Amino acid sequence: MSQPVYRLDNVIKRYDLREVLHVDALEVHAGEILALVGPSGSGKSTCLRLLNFLEAPTSGTIRFDGRNYGSNGSVPLDVRRRVTTVFQRPLLLNRSVQANVAYGLRLRRAPDTRARVEDALSRVGLLGLARQKGSTLSGGEAQRVALARAMALETDVLLLDEPTANLDPYNVGVIEEIIRELNVERATTMVLVTHNVFQARRLAHRVGLLLDGELVEVADVERFFAAPTDPRTLAFARGEMVY
């Protein structure tokens, strides 16, 4: 078996005295889609922030591509640039759609910027809006621009924080299809945070449940939904858990 892209060991994240995340062990395999599900406030987005090195764990170790990163927060720029995140509420610049997608590439002085921007916009079905201001877009269009911006960077890892929350069924379908294509065509490793168990089942290879900051269980998608080992997982997957 190949070395995991991520391995988390005894990772704890606290804000002041409040513990918001506790992961004894978690691996993210190369080329997989791992979905993290759970109610609001369960630690899902905090976990993504640690995986993107936006924050450091309070204690424990995050191993990325075989190298250890702990609570000192020192992560080289070249490592950070191998990971990108699409957030639930994308922040777009008050510029054209094309300029928004090109922004990260220009910061990195990447070659073939125009071609990569046009390819990304074409993939998300927004090439015709390339010159339109980002501030004029609908919620679904803005989310697709954010996804195109991440795609254009061609990073090894893509982190997705509720990428289809509050979108209409059409845009949900478009974004889910893009996620599938990226994973299959580029073997992009993805961690998807969602409260939607149906979306997790449609997209993920493995699923993990977070409750009150605790990683309860991680299993392949069929076992997670059909035969989980923890009764809390079964209750959540069946929609019996009230929160």
C-alpha atoms as a PDB file:
ATOM      1  CA  MET A   1       0.000   0.000   0.000  1.00  0.00           C
ATOM      2  CA  SER A   2       1.264   3.449  -0.875  1.00  0.00           C
ATOM      3  CA  GLN A   3       2.152   5.968   1.796  1.00  0.00           C
ATOM      4  CA  PRO A   4      -0.832   8.083   2.856  1.00  0.00           C
ATOM      5  CA  VAL A   5      -0.897  11.742   1.864  1.00  0.00           C
ATOM      6  CA  TYR A   6      -1.907  12.668   5.420  1.00  0.00           C
ATOM      7  CA  ARG A   7      -1.587  10.896   8.722  1.00  0.00           C
ATOM      8  CA  LEU A   8      -2.911  12.499  11.892  1.00  0.00           C
ATOM      9  CA  ASP A   9      -1.756  11.110  15.232  1.00  0.00           C
ATOM     10  CA  ASN A  10      -3.220  12.226  18.575  1.00  0.00           C
ATOM     11  CA  VAL A  11      -4.216  15.579  17.081  1.00  0.00           C
ATOM     12  CA  ILE A  12      -5.994  17.964  19.443  1.00  0.00           C
ATOM     13  CA  LYS A  13      -7.135  21.496  18.705  1.00  0.00           C
ATOM     14  CA  ARG A  14      -8.170  23.842  21.505  1.00  0.00           C
ATOM     15  CA  TYR A  15      -9.311  27.448  21.520  1.00  0.00           C
ATOM     16  CA  ASP A  16      -8.476  28.763  24.983  1.00  0.00           C
ATOM     17  CA  LEU A  17      -9.627  25.889  27.208  1.00  0.00           C
ATOM     18  CA  ARG A  18     -12.271  24.538  24.827  1.00  0.00           C
ATOM     19  CA  GLU A  19     -11.332  21.389  22.946  1.00  0.00           C
ATOM     20  CA  VAL A  20     -12.952  21.483  19.498  1.00  0.00           C
ATOM     21  CA  LEU A  21     -11.206  18.563  17.794  1.00  0.00           C
ATOM     22  CA  HIS A  22      -9.665  15.303  18.951  1.00  0.00           C
ATOM     23  CA  VAL A  23      -8.453  12.817  16.342  1.00  0.00           C
ATOM     24  CA  ASP A  24      -6.591   9.778  17.656  1.00  0.00           C
ATOM     25  CA  ALA A  25      -5.630   8.559  14.184  1.00  0.00           C
ATOM     26  CA  LEU A  26      -6.667   9.379  10.640  1.00  0.00           C
ATOM     27  CA  GLU A  27      -5.138   8.655   7.260  1.00  0.00           C
ATOM     28  CA  VAL A  28      -6.045  10.234   3.927  1.00  0.00           C
ATOM     29  CA  HIS A  29      -5.013   8.037   1.021  1.00  0.00           C
ATOM     30  CA  ALA A  30      -3.629   9.326  -2.262  1.00  0.00           C
ATOM     31  CA  GLY A  31      -6.296   9.750  -4.911  1.00  0.00           C
ATOM     32  CA  GLU A  32      -9.279   9.125  -2.662  1.00  0.00           C
ATOM     33  CA  ILE A  33     -12.297  11.227  -1.749  1.00  0.00           C
ATOM     34  CA  LEU A  34     -12.711  11.158   2.015  1.00  0.00           C
ATOM     35  CA  ALA A  35     -15.949  12.677   3.296  1.00  0.00           C
ATOM     36  CA  LEU A  36     -16.212  14.016   6.842  1.00  0.00           C
ATOM     37  CA  VAL A  37     -19.807  14.171   8.032  1.00  0.00           C
ATOM     38  CA  GLY A  38     -21.408  15.326  11.244  1.00  0.00           C
ATOM     39  CA  PRO A  39     -23.665  18.030  12.653  1.00  0.00           C
ATOM     40  CA  SER A  40     -22.741  21.707  12.752  1.00  0.00           C
ATOM     41  CA  GLY A  41     -20.084  22.437  15.348  1.00  0.00           C
ATOM     42  CA  SER A  42     -18.677  18.910  15.288  1.00  0.00           C
ATOM     43  CA  GLY A  43     -15.174  19.991  14.233  1.00  0.00           C
ATOM     44  CA  LYS A  44     -15.343  19.323  10.488  1.00  0.00           C
ATOM     45  CA  SER A  45     -14.226  22.772   9.322  1.00  0.00           C
ATOM     46  CA  THR A  46     -11.566  22.919  12.038  1.00  0.00           C
ATOM     47  CA  CYS A  47     -10.152  19.654  10.714  1.00  0.00           C
ATOM     48  CA  LEU A  48      -9.965  21.153   7.210  1.00  0.00           C
ATOM     49  CA  ARG A  49      -8.121  24.206   8.526  1.00  0.00           C
ATOM     50  CA  LEU A  50      -5.507  21.921  10.065  1.00  0.00           C
ATOM     51  CA  LEU A  51      -5.188  19.906   6.847  1.00  0.00           C
ATOM     52  CA  ASN A  52      -4.618  23.117   4.892  1.00  0.00           C
ATOM     53  CA  PHE A  53      -2.044  24.320   7.458  1.00  0.00           C
ATOM     54  CA  LEU A  54      -4.098  27.455   8.098  1.00  0.00           C
ATOM     55  CA  GLU A  55      -3.816  26.596  11.783  1.00  0.00           C
ATOM     56  CA  ALA A  56      -1.540  24.320  13.751  1.00  0.00           C
ATOM     57  CA  PRO A  57      -2.777  21.644  16.143  1.00  0.00           C
ATOM     58  CA  THR A  58      -2.536  22.397  19.849  1.00  0.00           C
ATOM     59  CA  SER A  59      -0.841  19.028  20.227  1.00  0.00           C
ATOM     60  CA  GLY A  60      -0.192  15.948  18.159  1.00  0.00           C
ATOM     61  CA  THR A  61       1.330  15.453  14.731  1.00  0.00           C
ATOM     62  CA  ILE A  62       0.140  15.927  11.173  1.00  0.00           C
ATOM     63  CA  ARG A  63       2.259  13.998   8.700  1.00  0.00           C
ATOM     64  CA  PHE A  64       2.003  15.193   5.090  1.00  0.00           C
ATOM     65  CA  ASP A  65       3.698  13.191   2.363  1.00  0.00           C
ATOM     66  CA  GLY A  66       5.946  11.550   4.927  1.00  0.00           C
ATOM     67  CA  ARG A  67       7.026  14.709   6.777  1.00  0.00           C
ATOM     68  CA  ASN A  68       5.916  15.632  10.292  1.00  0.00           C
ATOM     69  CA  TYR A  69       4.285  18.941  11.163  1.00  0.00           C
ATOM     70  CA  GLY A  70       3.285  19.621  14.726  1.00  0.00           C
ATOM     71  CA  SER A  71       2.160  22.429  16.974  1.00  0.00           C
ATOM     72  CA  ASN A  72       4.996  24.820  16.056  1.00  0.00           C
ATOM     73  CA  GLY A  73       3.072  25.705  12.885  1.00  0.00           C
ATOM     74  CA  SER A  74       6.152  25.881  10.667  1.00  0.00           C
ATOM     75  CA  VAL A  75       5.149  24.562   7.240  1.00  0.00           C
ATOM     76  CA  PRO A  76       7.221  25.491   4.143  1.00  0.00           C
ATOM     77  CA  LEU A  77       5.506  27.502   1.415  1.00  0.00           C
ATOM     78  CA  ASP A  78       6.090  24.801  -1.187  1.00  0.00           C
ATOM     79  CA  VAL A  79       4.178  22.349   1.012  1.00  0.00           C
ATOM     80  CA  ARG A  80       1.302  24.777   1.620  1.00  0.00           C
ATOM     81  CA  ARG A  81       0.980  25.300  -2.117  1.00  0.00           C
ATOM     82  CA  ARG A  82       0.264  21.622  -2.670  1.00  0.00           C
ATOM     83  CA  VAL A  83      -3.078  22.042  -0.897  1.00  0.00           C
ATOM     84  CA  THR A  84      -5.999  24.359  -1.606  1.00  0.00           C
ATOM     85  CA  THR A  85      -9.472  24.836  -0.135  1.00  0.00           C
ATOM     86  CA  VAL A  86     -12.863  25.732  -1.546  1.00  0.00           C
ATOM     87  CA  PHE A  87     -14.809  27.328   1.284  1.00  0.00           C
ATOM     88  CA  GLN A  88     -18.548  27.217   1.897  1.00  0.00           C
ATOM     89  CA  ARG A  89     -18.894  30.961   1.296  1.00  0.00           C
ATOM     90  CA  PRO A  90     -16.414  31.845  -1.453  1.00  0.00           C
ATOM     91  CA  LEU A  91     -14.787  35.250  -1.280  1.00  0.00           C
ATOM     92  CA  LEU A  92     -14.480  36.764  -4.753  1.00  0.00           C
ATOM     93  CA  LEU A  93     -12.533  39.857  -5.682  1.00  0.00           C
ATOM     94  CA  ASN A  94     -14.443  42.792  -7.144  1.00  0.00           C
ATOM     95  CA  ARG A  95     -12.943  41.989 -10.515  1.00  0.00           C
ATOM     96  CA  SER A  96     -13.896  39.892 -13.505  1.00  0.00           C
ATOM     97  CA  VAL A  97     -14.529  36.179 -13.239  1.00  0.00           C
ATOM     98  CA  GLN A  98     -11.383  35.605 -15.311  1.00  0.00           C
ATOM     99  CA  ALA A  99      -9.280  37.720 -12.923  1.00  0.00           C
ATOM    100  CA  ASN A 100     -10.659  35.842  -9.923  1.00  0.00           C
ATOM    101  CA  VAL A 101      -9.673  32.480 -11.357  1.00  0.00           C
ATOM    102  CA  ALA A 102      -6.245  33.781 -12.396  1.00  0.00           C
ATOM    103  CA  TYR A 103      -5.465  35.360  -9.022  1.00  0.00           C
ATOM    104  CA  GLY A 104      -3.720  32.394  -7.384  1.00  0.00           C
ATOM    105  CA  LEU A 105      -1.809  31.552 -10.547  1.00  0.00           C
ATOM    106  CA  ARG A 106      -0.467  35.097 -10.812  1.00  0.00           C
ATOM    107  CA  LEU A 107       0.658  35.057  -7.187  1.00  0.00           C
ATOM    108  CA  ARG A 108       2.597  31.886  -7.959  1.00  0.00           C
ATOM    109  CA  ARG A 109       3.876  33.237 -11.273  1.00  0.00           C
ATOM    110  CA  ALA A 110       2.590  30.105 -12.945  1.00  0.00           C
ATOM    111  CA  PRO A 111       3.120  29.539 -16.671  1.00  0.00           C
ATOM    112  CA  ASP A 112       0.263  29.361 -19.201  1.00  0.00           C
ATOM    113  CA  THR A 113      -2.051  31.343 -16.931  1.00  0.00           C
ATOM    114  CA  ARG A 114      -4.553  32.250 -19.642  1.00  0.00           C
ATOM    115  CA  ALA A 115      -4.882  28.708 -20.961  1.00  0.00           C
ATOM    116  CA  ARG A 116      -5.323  27.258 -17.466  1.00  0.00           C
ATOM    117  CA  VAL A 117      -7.942  29.861 -16.558  1.00  0.00           C
ATOM    118  CA  GLU A 118      -9.918  29.247 -19.729  1.00  0.00           C
ATOM    119  CA  ASP A 119      -9.750  25.479 -19.245  1.00  0.00           C
ATOM    120  CA  ALA A 120     -10.972  25.757 -15.646  1.00  0.00           C
ATOM    121  CA  LEU A 121     -13.830  28.094 -16.580  1.00  0.00           C
ATOM    122  CA  SER A 122     -14.805  25.818 -19.432  1.00  0.00           C
ATOM    123  CA  ARG A 123     -14.951  22.843 -17.082  1.00  0.00           C
ATOM    124  CA  VAL A 124     -17.326  24.614 -14.709  1.00  0.00           C
ATOM    125  CA  GLY A 125     -19.447  25.977 -17.591  1.00  0.00           C
ATOM    126  CA  LEU A 126     -18.654  29.649 -17.020  1.00  0.00           C
ATOM    127  CA  LEU A 127     -16.349  30.549 -19.899  1.00  0.00           C
ATOM    128  CA  GLY A 128     -19.088  32.775 -21.289  1.00  0.00           C
ATOM    129  CA  LEU A 129     -19.039  34.840 -18.084  1.00  0.00           C
ATOM    130  CA  ALA A 130     -15.260  35.361 -18.051  1.00  0.00           C
ATOM    131  CA  ARG A 131     -15.521  39.165 -18.300  1.00  0.00           C
ATOM    132  CA  GLN A 132     -18.426  39.551 -15.891  1.00  0.00           C
ATOM    133  CA  LYS A 133     -17.795  41.038 -12.422  1.00  0.00           C
ATOM    134  CA  GLY A 134     -17.630  38.474  -9.635  1.00  0.00           C
ATOM    135  CA  SER A 135     -19.965  40.604  -7.525  1.00  0.00           C
ATOM    136  CA  THR A 136     -22.824  40.106 -10.020  1.00  0.00           C
ATOM    137  CA  LEU A 137     -22.872  36.297  -9.872  1.00  0.00           C
ATOM    138  CA  SER A 138     -25.477  34.064  -8.286  1.00  0.00           C
ATOM    139  CA  GLY A 139     -24.508  31.862  -5.342  1.00  0.00           C
ATOM    140  CA  GLY A 140     -24.120  28.798  -7.543  1.00  0.00           C
ATOM    141  CA  GLU A 141     -22.049  30.679 -10.104  1.00  0.00           C
ATOM    142  CA  ALA A 142     -19.785  32.119  -7.389  1.00  0.00           C
ATOM    143  CA  GLN A 143     -19.213  28.636  -5.979  1.00  0.00           C
ATOM    144  CA  ARG A 144     -18.303  27.371  -9.438  1.00  0.00           C
ATOM    145  CA  VAL A 145     -15.828  30.249  -9.864  1.00  0.00           C
ATOM    146  CA  ALA A 146     -14.238  29.335  -6.529  1.00  0.00           C
ATOM    147  CA  LEU A 147     -13.947  25.729  -7.686  1.00  0.00           C
ATOM    148  CA  ALA A 148     -12.425  26.854 -11.018  1.00  0.00           C
ATOM    149  CA  ARG A 149      -9.899  28.989  -9.121  1.00  0.00           C
ATOM    150  CA  ALA A 150      -8.861  25.946  -7.098  1.00  0.00           C
ATOM    151  CA  MET A 151      -8.787  23.670 -10.156  1.00  0.00           C
ATOM    152  CA  ALA A 152      -6.520  26.051 -12.055  1.00  0.00           C
ATOM    153  CA  LEU A 153      -3.852  25.698  -9.373  1.00  0.00           C
ATOM    154  CA  GLU A 154      -3.638  21.936 -10.069  1.00  0.00           C
ATOM    155  CA  THR A 155      -2.731  21.117  -6.466  1.00  0.00           C
ATOM    156  CA  ASP A 156      -2.242  17.591  -5.150  1.00  0.00           C
ATOM    157  CA  VAL A 157      -4.957  18.002  -2.513  1.00  0.00           C
ATOM    158  CA  LEU A 158      -8.321  19.744  -2.732  1.00  0.00           C
ATOM    159  CA  LEU A 159     -10.261  20.429   0.466  1.00  0.00           C
ATOM    160  CA  LEU A 160     -13.970  21.140   0.076  1.00  0.00           C
ATOM    161  CA  ASP A 161     -15.923  22.766   2.908  1.00  0.00           C
ATOM    162  CA  GLU A 162     -19.666  22.286   2.283  1.00  0.00           C
ATOM    163  CA  PRO A 163     -19.188  23.107  -1.427  1.00  0.00           C
ATOM    164  CA  THR A 164     -22.892  22.812  -2.299  1.00  0.00           C
ATOM    165  CA  ALA A 165     -24.539  24.205   0.846  1.00  0.00           C
ATOM    166  CA  ASN A 166     -27.669  26.250   0.052  1.00  0.00           C
ATOM    167  CA  LEU A 167     -27.372  25.692  -3.699  1.00  0.00           C
ATOM    168  CA  ASP A 168     -30.181  24.631  -6.018  1.00  0.00           C
ATOM    169  CA  PRO A 169     -30.259  21.040  -7.350  1.00  0.00           C
ATOM    170  CA  TYR A 170     -28.823  22.048 -10.730  1.00  0.00           C
ATOM    171  CA  ASN A 171     -25.697  23.622  -9.237  1.00  0.00           C
ATOM    172  CA  VAL A 172     -25.343  20.749  -6.768  1.00  0.00           C
ATOM    173  CA  GLY A 173     -25.288  18.338  -9.708  1.00  0.00           C
ATOM    174  CA  VAL A 174     -22.790  20.451 -11.666  1.00  0.00           C
ATOM    175  CA  ILE A 175     -20.369  20.747  -8.758  1.00  0.00           C
ATOM    176  CA  GLU A 176     -20.616  17.070  -7.817  1.00  0.00           C
ATOM    177  CA  GLU A 177     -19.856  16.058 -11.410  1.00  0.00           C
ATOM    178  CA  ILE A 178     -16.808  18.355 -11.476  1.00  0.00           C
ATOM    179  CA  ILE A 179     -15.565  16.793  -8.231  1.00  0.00           C
ATOM    180  CA  ARG A 180     -15.905  13.300  -9.704  1.00  0.00           C
ATOM    181  CA  GLU A 181     -14.099  14.281 -12.899  1.00  0.00           C
ATOM    182  CA  LEU A 182     -11.205  15.895 -11.049  1.00  0.00           C
ATOM    183  CA  ASN A 183     -10.759  12.847  -8.880  1.00  0.00           C
ATOM    184  CA  VAL A 184     -10.846  10.409 -11.794  1.00  0.00           C
ATOM    185  CA  GLU A 185      -8.902  12.393 -14.404  1.00  0.00           C
ATOM    186  CA  ARG A 186      -6.238  13.979 -12.192  1.00  0.00           C
ATOM    187  CA  ALA A 187      -6.255  11.559  -9.249  1.00  0.00           C
ATOM    188  CA  THR A 188      -6.693  14.603  -7.006  1.00  0.00           C
ATOM    189  CA  THR A 189      -6.863  13.679  -3.340  1.00  0.00           C
ATOM    190  CA  MET A 190      -9.942  15.268  -1.765  1.00  0.00           C
ATOM    191  CA  VAL A 191     -11.374  15.757   1.687  1.00  0.00           C
ATOM    192  CA  LEU A 192     -15.022  16.755   1.520  1.00  0.00           C
ATOM    193  CA  VAL A 193     -16.796  18.232   4.535  1.00  0.00           C
ATOM    194  CA  THR A 194     -20.564  17.901   4.308  1.00  0.00           C
ATOM    195  CA  HIS A 195     -23.555  17.506   6.590  1.00  0.00           C
ATOM    196  CA  ASN A 196     -25.358  15.787   3.702  1.00  0.00           C
ATOM    197  CA  VAL A 197     -25.032  12.026   4.119  1.00  0.00           C
ATOM    198  CA  PHE A 198     -26.529  11.447   0.666  1.00  0.00           C
ATOM    199  CA  GLN A 199     -23.797  13.557  -0.924  1.00  0.00           C
ATOM    200  CA  ALA A 200     -21.137  11.690   1.041  1.00  0.00           C
ATOM    201  CA  ARG A 201     -22.536   8.401  -0.196  1.00  0.00           C
ATOM    202  CA  ARG A 202     -22.601   9.612  -3.824  1.00  0.00           C
ATOM    203  CA  LEU A 203     -19.062  11.008  -3.908  1.00  0.00           C
ATOM    204  CA  ALA A 204     -16.818   9.452  -1.287  1.00  0.00           C
ATOM    205  CA  HIS A 205     -14.655   6.354  -1.193  1.00  0.00           C
ATOM    206  CA  ARG A 206     -14.501   6.508   2.611  1.00  0.00           C
ATOM    207  CA  VAL A 207     -16.534   8.406   5.189  1.00  0.00           C
ATOM    208  CA  GLY A 208     -15.675   9.605   8.695  1.00  0.00           C
ATOM    209  CA  LEU A 209     -18.099  10.779  11.382  1.00  0.00           C
ATOM    210  CA  LEU A 210     -17.216  13.671  13.687  1.00  0.00           C
ATOM    211  CA  LEU A 211     -19.321  14.304  16.804  1.00  0.00           C
ATOM    212  CA  ASP A 212     -18.485  16.960  19.388  1.00  0.00           C
ATOM    213  CA  GLY A 213     -14.952  17.158  17.990  1.00  0.00           C
ATOM    214  CA  GLU A 214     -14.349  13.407  18.255  1.00  0.00           C
ATOM    215  CA  LEU A 215     -13.638  11.263  15.215  1.00  0.00           C
ATOM    216  CA  VAL A 216     -16.046   8.422  15.954  1.00  0.00           C
ATOM    217  CA  GLU A 217     -15.455   6.126  12.993  1.00  0.00           C
ATOM    218  CA  VAL A 218     -13.935   5.983   9.511  1.00  0.00           C
ATOM    219  CA  ALA A 219     -14.906   3.278   7.030  1.00  0.00           C
ATOM    220  CA  ASP A 220     -15.327   2.641   3.327  1.00  0.00           C
ATOM    221  CA  VAL A 221     -18.582   4.084   2.073  1.00  0.00           C
ATOM    222  CA  GLU A 222     -20.585   0.852   1.897  1.00  0.00           C
ATOM    223  CA  ARG A 223     -19.582  -0.334   5.363  1.00  0.00           C
ATOM    224  CA  PHE A 224     -20.119   3.121   6.853  1.00  0.00           C
ATOM    225  CA  PHE A 225     -23.750   3.184   5.754  1.00  0.00           C
ATOM    226  CA  ALA A 226     -24.611  -0.537   5.863  1.00  0.00           C
ATOM    227  CA  ALA A 227     -22.609  -1.993   8.736  1.00  0.00           C
ATOM    228  CA  PRO A 228     -20.825   0.611  10.905  1.00  0.00           C
ATOM    229  CA  THR A 229     -19.191  -0.536  14.116  1.00  0.00           C
ATOM    230  CA  ASP A 230     -20.332   2.362  16.319  1.00  0.00           C
ATOM    231  CA  PRO A 231     -24.065   2.758  17.126  1.00  0.00           C
ATOM    232  CA  ARG A 232     -23.722   6.542  16.830  1.00  0.00           C
ATOM    233  CA  THR A 233     -22.617   6.126  13.216  1.00  0.00           C
ATOM    234  CA  LEU A 234     -25.616   3.922  12.490  1.00  0.00           C
ATOM    235  CA  ALA A 235     -27.974   6.462  14.069  1.00  0.00           C
ATOM    236  CA  PHE A 236     -26.452   9.323  12.087  1.00  0.00           C
ATOM    237  CA  ALA A 237     -26.478   7.424   8.790  1.00  0.00           C
ATOM    238  CA  ARG A 238     -30.148   6.501   9.293  1.00  0.00           C
ATOM    239  CA  GLY A 239     -31.122  10.054  10.163  1.00  0.00           C
ATOM    240  CA  GLU A 240     -32.183   8.985  13.652  1.00  0.00           C
ATOM    241  CA  MET A 241     -29.774  11.314  15.442  1.00  0.00           C
ATOM    242  CA  VAL A 242     -31.434  14.563  16.486  1.00  0.00           C
ATOM    243  CA  TYR A 243     -29.079  17.533  16.804  1.00  0.00           C
END
